[in-house]
Amino acid sequence: MTPAQRWARELGALIREVAGFDVPPMTSFFDAGLTSVLLVAVHRRLVDQFRTDVPVTVFFKYPSRCALGAFLAGGQSAPDGTLPVASGAGVTGSAPEGEGERSPDARRWSAQDRRDLRSRLRQRKG
């Protein structure tokens, strides 16, 4: 497993703890139903748990678990059990090549689809 994949997995666990539901790795945080408030809470947990100093804005610049995981890993390899943070992560850098592209079979979510998803999530939370 690459460092980027480990970061994506850890981000998934943090999101699940904070929001109470899973977000697929390639899905935009907002398309999945996360709000800015939830992302700020996930950021706080990320900073506290992994002692990173990335700004909250990286969640908006790299809006999926895979994109943010690749950014945090910075293309570095690491031994199992460690999660490196790229030097200057969140301050400089660009998205990996091809980042932000959707898979060919992924469909675009309409505004109505997002509203329906949010409504279902609210009902599930009770």
N, C-alpha and C. Protein backbone atom coordinates (compact mmCIF):
# COMPACT_ATOMS: atom_id res chain seq x y z
N MET A 1 0.85 -1.17 0.00
CA MET A 1 0.00 0.00 0.00
C MET A 1 0.90 1.24 0.00
N THR A 2 0.59 2.18 -0.85
CA THR A 2 1.41 3.39 -0.96
C THR A 2 1.07 4.36 0.18
N PRO A 3 1.95 5.31 0.44
CA PRO A 3 1.64 6.32 1.47
C PRO A 3 0.34 7.07 1.15
N ALA A 4 0.11 7.39 -0.12
CA ALA A 4 -1.12 8.09 -0.49
C ALA A 4 -2.35 7.25 -0.17
N GLN A 5 -2.27 5.95 -0.42
CA GLN A 5 -3.40 5.07 -0.10
C GLN A 5 -3.61 4.95 1.40
N ARG A 6 -2.51 4.93 2.16
CA ARG A 6 -2.65 4.89 3.63
C ARG A 6 -3.30 6.17 4.14
N TRP A 7 -2.87 7.31 3.58
CA TRP A 7 -3.49 8.57 3.98
C TRP A 7 -4.97 8.58 3.64
N ALA A 8 -5.32 8.10 2.43
CA ALA A 8 -6.73 8.07 2.03
C ALA A 8 -7.54 7.19 2.98
N ARG A 9 -6.96 6.06 3.39
CA ARG A 9 -7.65 5.17 4.34
C ARG A 9 -7.84 5.87 5.69
N GLU A 10 -6.79 6.53 6.17
CA GLU A 10 -6.89 7.24 7.46
C GLU A 10 -7.90 8.39 7.38
N LEU A 11 -7.91 9.09 6.26
CA LEU A 11 -8.90 10.16 6.09
C LEU A 11 -10.31 9.59 6.13
N GLY A 12 -10.49 8.42 5.51
CA GLY A 12 -11.80 7.77 5.54
C GLY A 12 -12.24 7.45 6.96
N ALA A 13 -11.30 6.97 7.77
CA ALA A 13 -11.62 6.65 9.16
C ALA A 13 -11.97 7.92 9.94
N LEU A 14 -11.23 9.00 9.72
CA LEU A 14 -11.52 10.26 10.40
C LEU A 14 -12.90 10.80 10.01
N ILE A 15 -13.21 10.72 8.72
CA ILE A 15 -14.51 11.20 8.24
C ILE A 15 -15.63 10.36 8.85
N ARG A 16 -15.44 9.05 8.90
CA ARG A 16 -16.44 8.16 9.47
C ARG A 16 -16.68 8.50 10.95
N GLU A 17 -15.60 8.79 11.69
CA GLU A 17 -15.73 9.15 13.11
C GLU A 17 -16.51 10.45 13.28
N VAL A 18 -16.19 11.44 12.45
CA VAL A 18 -16.80 12.76 12.61
C VAL A 18 -18.21 12.82 12.02
N ALA A 19 -18.37 12.33 10.79
CA ALA A 19 -19.63 12.49 10.08
C ALA A 19 -20.59 11.32 10.28
N GLY A 20 -20.06 10.15 10.60
CA GLY A 20 -20.93 9.00 10.82
C GLY A 20 -21.26 8.21 9.57
N PHE A 21 -20.62 8.51 8.45
CA PHE A 21 -20.84 7.74 7.23
C PHE A 21 -19.56 7.71 6.41
N ASP A 22 -19.50 6.74 5.49
CA ASP A 22 -18.32 6.57 4.64
C ASP A 22 -18.39 7.47 3.41
N VAL A 23 -17.23 7.90 2.96
CA VAL A 23 -17.10 8.66 1.73
C VAL A 23 -16.18 7.85 0.81
N PRO A 24 -16.65 7.47 -0.39
CA PRO A 24 -15.80 6.73 -1.31
C PRO A 24 -14.53 7.52 -1.64
N PRO A 25 -13.42 6.82 -1.89
CA PRO A 25 -12.12 7.49 -2.09
C PRO A 25 -12.08 8.52 -3.21
N MET A 26 -12.79 8.30 -4.31
CA MET A 26 -12.71 9.20 -5.45
C MET A 26 -13.85 10.22 -5.48
N THR A 27 -14.73 10.18 -4.50
CA THR A 27 -15.89 11.07 -4.48
C THR A 27 -15.55 12.37 -3.77
N SER A 28 -15.99 13.46 -4.35
CA SER A 28 -15.80 14.77 -3.72
C SER A 28 -16.46 14.78 -2.35
N PHE A 29 -15.79 15.42 -1.39
CA PHE A 29 -16.35 15.51 -0.05
C PHE A 29 -17.75 16.11 -0.08
N PHE A 30 -17.95 17.15 -0.90
CA PHE A 30 -19.24 17.83 -0.94
C PHE A 30 -20.29 16.99 -1.66
N ASP A 31 -19.90 16.29 -2.71
CA ASP A 31 -20.86 15.41 -3.39
C ASP A 31 -21.32 14.29 -2.47
N ALA A 32 -20.49 13.89 -1.56
CA ALA A 32 -20.83 12.82 -0.61
C ALA A 32 -21.70 13.31 0.53
N GLY A 33 -21.88 14.62 0.64
CA GLY A 33 -22.75 15.16 1.69
C GLY A 33 -22.05 15.83 2.85
N LEU A 34 -20.72 15.94 2.78
CA LEU A 34 -20.00 16.64 3.85
C LEU A 34 -20.19 18.14 3.70
N THR A 35 -20.31 18.81 4.80
CA THR A 35 -20.43 20.27 4.80
C THR A 35 -19.09 20.88 5.21
N SER A 36 -18.99 22.17 5.06
CA SER A 36 -17.78 22.88 5.48
C SER A 36 -17.54 22.68 6.97
N VAL A 37 -18.59 22.69 7.75
CA VAL A 37 -18.46 22.52 9.20
C VAL A 37 -17.89 21.15 9.53
N LEU A 38 -18.38 20.11 8.85
CA LEU A 38 -17.84 18.76 9.08
C LEU A 38 -16.39 18.66 8.64
N LEU A 39 -16.04 19.30 7.52
CA LEU A 39 -14.65 19.26 7.07
C LEU A 39 -13.71 19.96 8.04
N VAL A 40 -14.17 21.02 8.66
CA VAL A 40 -13.35 21.70 9.67
C VAL A 40 -13.14 20.78 10.87
N ALA A 41 -14.16 20.04 11.24
CA ALA A 41 -14.03 19.09 12.35
C ALA A 41 -13.07 17.95 11.98
N VAL A 42 -13.14 17.47 10.74
CA VAL A 42 -12.21 16.42 10.28
C VAL A 42 -10.79 16.98 10.29
N HIS A 43 -10.63 18.21 9.84
CA HIS A 43 -9.31 18.84 9.83
C HIS A 43 -8.74 18.91 11.25
N ARG A 44 -9.55 19.31 12.19
CA ARG A 44 -9.09 19.41 13.58
C ARG A 44 -8.60 18.06 14.08
N ARG A 45 -9.35 16.99 13.78
CA ARG A 45 -8.93 15.65 14.18
C ARG A 45 -7.64 15.24 13.49
N LEU A 46 -7.52 15.58 12.21
CA LEU A 46 -6.31 15.27 11.44
C LEU A 46 -5.09 15.94 12.08
N VAL A 47 -5.22 17.20 12.40
CA VAL A 47 -4.12 17.96 13.02
C VAL A 47 -3.78 17.39 14.38
N ASP A 48 -4.79 17.11 15.18
CA ASP A 48 -4.54 16.58 16.53
C ASP A 48 -3.96 15.18 16.51
N GLN A 49 -4.51 14.31 15.67
CA GLN A 49 -4.10 12.91 15.68
C GLN A 49 -2.74 12.69 15.02
N PHE A 50 -2.46 13.39 13.93
CA PHE A 50 -1.23 13.14 13.18
C PHE A 50 -0.20 14.25 13.31
N ARG A 51 -0.49 15.24 14.12
CA ARG A 51 0.45 16.35 14.36
C ARG A 51 0.90 17.00 13.05
N THR A 52 -0.04 17.21 12.14
CA THR A 52 0.26 17.89 10.89
C THR A 52 -0.06 19.37 11.06
N ASP A 53 0.50 20.18 10.20
CA ASP A 53 0.21 21.61 10.28
C ASP A 53 -0.40 22.11 8.98
N VAL A 54 -1.15 21.26 8.30
CA VAL A 54 -1.76 21.67 7.04
C VAL A 54 -2.96 22.57 7.33
N PRO A 55 -3.17 23.57 6.49
CA PRO A 55 -4.33 24.45 6.69
C PRO A 55 -5.62 23.74 6.25
N VAL A 56 -6.73 24.17 6.77
CA VAL A 56 -8.02 23.58 6.43
C VAL A 56 -8.34 23.75 4.95
N THR A 57 -7.75 24.71 4.30
CA THR A 57 -8.04 24.96 2.89
C THR A 57 -7.64 23.81 1.97
N VAL A 58 -6.76 22.89 2.44
CA VAL A 58 -6.40 21.76 1.58
C VAL A 58 -7.60 20.87 1.30
N PHE A 59 -8.59 20.86 2.18
CA PHE A 59 -9.78 20.05 1.95
C PHE A 59 -10.60 20.61 0.79
N PHE A 60 -10.43 21.87 0.48
CA PHE A 60 -11.15 22.48 -0.63
C PHE A 60 -10.32 22.43 -1.91
N LYS A 61 -9.01 22.48 -1.76
CA LYS A 61 -8.12 22.41 -2.93
C LYS A 61 -8.00 20.97 -3.44
N TYR A 62 -8.04 20.00 -2.54
CA TYR A 62 -7.95 18.57 -2.87
C TYR A 62 -9.19 17.90 -2.30
N PRO A 63 -10.34 17.99 -3.00
CA PRO A 63 -11.64 17.66 -2.40
C PRO A 63 -12.07 16.19 -2.43
N SER A 64 -11.13 15.26 -2.41
CA SER A 64 -11.49 13.85 -2.27
C SER A 64 -10.43 13.17 -1.40
N ARG A 65 -10.77 12.01 -0.89
CA ARG A 65 -9.80 11.29 -0.05
C ARG A 65 -8.54 10.97 -0.83
N CYS A 66 -8.68 10.54 -2.08
CA CYS A 66 -7.50 10.19 -2.89
C CYS A 66 -6.64 11.42 -3.19
N ALA A 67 -7.28 12.51 -3.57
CA ALA A 67 -6.53 13.73 -3.89
C ALA A 67 -5.80 14.25 -2.67
N LEU A 68 -6.48 14.32 -1.54
CA LEU A 68 -5.85 14.83 -0.33
C LEU A 68 -4.79 13.87 0.18
N GLY A 69 -5.04 12.57 0.07
CA GLY A 69 -4.04 11.58 0.48
C GLY A 69 -2.77 11.70 -0.34
N ALA A 70 -2.91 11.89 -1.65
CA ALA A 70 -1.74 12.05 -2.51
C ALA A 70 -0.98 13.32 -2.15
N PHE A 71 -1.70 14.38 -1.85
CA PHE A 71 -1.05 15.63 -1.46
C PHE A 71 -0.29 15.47 -0.14
N LEU A 72 -0.93 14.85 0.85
CA LEU A 72 -0.29 14.69 2.15
C LEU A 72 0.93 13.78 2.06
N ALA A 73 0.86 12.76 1.23
CA ALA A 73 1.99 11.85 1.07
C ALA A 73 3.11 12.50 0.27
N GLY A 74 2.76 13.38 -0.62
CA GLY A 74 3.77 14.09 -1.41
C GLY A 74 4.61 13.18 -2.28
N GLY A 75 4.07 11.99 -2.61
CA GLY A 75 4.80 11.09 -3.47
C GLY A 75 5.95 10.37 -2.77
N GLN A 76 6.05 10.48 -1.46
CA GLN A 76 7.13 9.83 -0.71
C GLN A 76 6.76 8.39 -0.41
N SER A 77 7.76 7.52 -0.35
CA SER A 77 7.51 6.17 0.11
C SER A 77 7.85 6.12 1.60
N ALA A 78 7.19 5.22 2.30
CA ALA A 78 7.43 5.14 3.74
C ALA A 78 7.23 3.71 4.20
N PRO A 79 7.88 3.33 5.30
CA PRO A 79 7.65 1.99 5.82
C PRO A 79 6.23 1.85 6.33
N ASP A 80 5.73 0.60 6.37
CA ASP A 80 4.38 0.37 6.86
C ASP A 80 4.22 0.91 8.27
N GLY A 81 3.03 1.43 8.53
CA GLY A 81 2.73 1.93 9.86
C GLY A 81 3.06 3.39 10.06
N THR A 82 3.67 4.03 9.06
CA THR A 82 3.96 5.45 9.19
C THR A 82 3.24 6.21 8.09
N LEU A 83 2.91 7.42 8.35
CA LEU A 83 2.24 8.27 7.38
C LEU A 83 3.02 9.56 7.24
N PRO A 84 3.89 9.65 6.24
CA PRO A 84 4.69 10.86 6.10
C PRO A 84 3.84 12.02 5.61
N VAL A 85 4.23 13.20 5.98
CA VAL A 85 3.62 14.42 5.45
C VAL A 85 4.67 15.09 4.60
N ALA A 86 4.30 15.42 3.38
CA ALA A 86 5.24 16.06 2.48
C ALA A 86 5.72 17.36 3.09
N SER A 87 6.99 17.68 2.89
CA SER A 87 7.50 18.93 3.43
C SER A 87 6.77 20.08 2.76
N GLY A 88 6.30 21.01 3.55
CA GLY A 88 5.54 22.13 3.02
C GLY A 88 4.12 21.77 2.65
N ALA A 89 3.63 20.63 3.08
CA ALA A 89 2.28 20.21 2.72
C ALA A 89 1.29 21.28 3.13
N GLY A 90 0.44 21.63 2.21
CA GLY A 90 -0.58 22.62 2.48
C GLY A 90 -0.12 24.04 2.22
N VAL A 91 1.15 24.24 2.01
CA VAL A 91 1.67 25.58 1.76
C VAL A 91 1.97 25.75 0.28
N THR A 92 2.69 24.79 -0.29
CA THR A 92 2.98 24.82 -1.72
C THR A 92 2.69 23.45 -2.29
N GLY A 93 2.76 23.33 -3.58
CA GLY A 93 2.56 22.04 -4.22
C GLY A 93 1.40 22.10 -5.17
N SER A 94 1.31 21.10 -6.00
CA SER A 94 0.23 21.04 -6.95
C SER A 94 -0.36 19.64 -6.92
N ALA A 95 -1.54 19.51 -7.46
CA ALA A 95 -2.20 18.22 -7.50
C ALA A 95 -1.43 17.28 -8.40
N PRO A 96 -1.40 16.00 -8.06
CA PRO A 96 -0.74 15.03 -8.92
C PRO A 96 -1.36 15.02 -10.31
N GLU A 97 -0.58 14.60 -11.29
CA GLU A 97 -1.06 14.59 -12.67
C GLU A 97 -2.34 13.77 -12.77
N GLY A 98 -3.32 14.33 -13.47
CA GLY A 98 -4.59 13.64 -13.66
C GLY A 98 -5.53 13.76 -12.48
N GLU A 99 -5.11 14.42 -11.42
CA GLU A 99 -5.96 14.52 -10.24
C GLU A 99 -7.17 15.39 -10.56
N GLY A 100 -8.27 15.10 -9.99
CA GLY A 100 -9.47 15.87 -10.21
C GLY A 100 -10.30 15.30 -11.34
N GLU A 101 -9.75 14.37 -12.12
CA GLU A 101 -10.53 13.75 -13.18
C GLU A 101 -11.37 12.66 -12.57
N ARG A 102 -12.55 12.48 -13.11
CA ARG A 102 -13.44 11.45 -12.62
C ARG A 102 -13.27 10.21 -13.46
N SER A 103 -13.55 9.07 -12.89
CA SER A 103 -13.47 7.84 -13.66
C SER A 103 -14.55 7.87 -14.74
N PRO A 104 -14.34 7.18 -15.85
CA PRO A 104 -15.29 7.24 -16.96
C PRO A 104 -16.69 6.79 -16.58
N ASP A 105 -16.82 5.86 -15.62
CA ASP A 105 -18.14 5.38 -15.26
C ASP A 105 -18.80 6.20 -14.14
N ALA A 106 -18.10 7.18 -13.62
CA ALA A 106 -18.69 8.02 -12.56
C ALA A 106 -19.68 8.99 -13.20
N ARG A 107 -20.81 9.18 -12.53
CA ARG A 107 -21.79 10.11 -13.08
C ARG A 107 -21.73 11.42 -12.31
N ARG A 108 -22.09 12.46 -12.97
CA ARG A 108 -22.14 13.78 -12.31
C ARG A 108 -23.41 13.84 -11.46
N TRP A 109 -23.28 14.43 -10.32
CA TRP A 109 -24.42 14.56 -9.42
C TRP A 109 -25.09 15.90 -9.70
N SER A 110 -26.37 15.88 -9.87
CA SER A 110 -27.11 17.12 -10.05
C SER A 110 -27.38 17.73 -8.68
N ALA A 111 -27.81 18.95 -8.69
CA ALA A 111 -28.14 19.62 -7.42
C ALA A 111 -29.24 18.84 -6.70
N GLN A 112 -30.22 18.32 -7.46
CA GLN A 112 -31.31 17.55 -6.85
C GLN A 112 -30.78 16.26 -6.24
N ASP A 113 -29.83 15.59 -6.91
CA ASP A 113 -29.22 14.37 -6.35
C ASP A 113 -28.57 14.67 -5.01
N ARG A 114 -27.84 15.79 -4.94
CA ARG A 114 -27.16 16.15 -3.69
C ARG A 114 -28.18 16.46 -2.58
N ARG A 115 -29.26 17.17 -2.94
CA ARG A 115 -30.29 17.47 -1.94
C ARG A 115 -30.92 16.18 -1.43
N ASP A 116 -31.20 15.24 -2.35
CA ASP A 116 -31.79 13.97 -1.94
C ASP A 116 -30.86 13.20 -1.02
N LEU A 117 -29.57 13.18 -1.34
CA LEU A 117 -28.60 12.48 -0.51
C LEU A 117 -28.53 13.11 0.88
N ARG A 118 -28.47 14.43 0.94
CA ARG A 118 -28.43 15.10 2.25
C ARG A 118 -29.67 14.78 3.07
N SER A 119 -30.82 14.77 2.40
CA SER A 119 -32.07 14.46 3.10
C SER A 119 -32.04 13.04 3.67
N ARG A 120 -31.56 12.08 2.86
CA ARG A 120 -31.47 10.70 3.34
C ARG A 120 -30.49 10.59 4.51
N LEU A 121 -29.38 11.31 4.44
CA LEU A 121 -28.40 11.27 5.52
C LEU A 121 -28.96 11.85 6.80
N ARG A 122 -29.70 12.96 6.69
CA ARG A 122 -30.34 13.55 7.87
C ARG A 122 -31.32 12.60 8.50
N GLN A 123 -32.11 11.90 7.67
CA GLN A 123 -33.08 10.95 8.19
C GLN A 123 -32.39 9.78 8.89
N ARG A 124 -31.27 9.36 8.31
CA ARG A 124 -30.54 8.23 8.90
C ARG A 124 -29.95 8.61 10.25
N LYS A 125 -29.47 9.87 10.38
CA LYS A 125 -28.90 10.31 11.66
C LYS A 125 -29.99 10.46 12.72
N GLY A 126 -31.20 10.66 12.28
CA GLY A 126 -32.32 10.61 13.15
C GLY A 126 -32.74 11.82 13.82
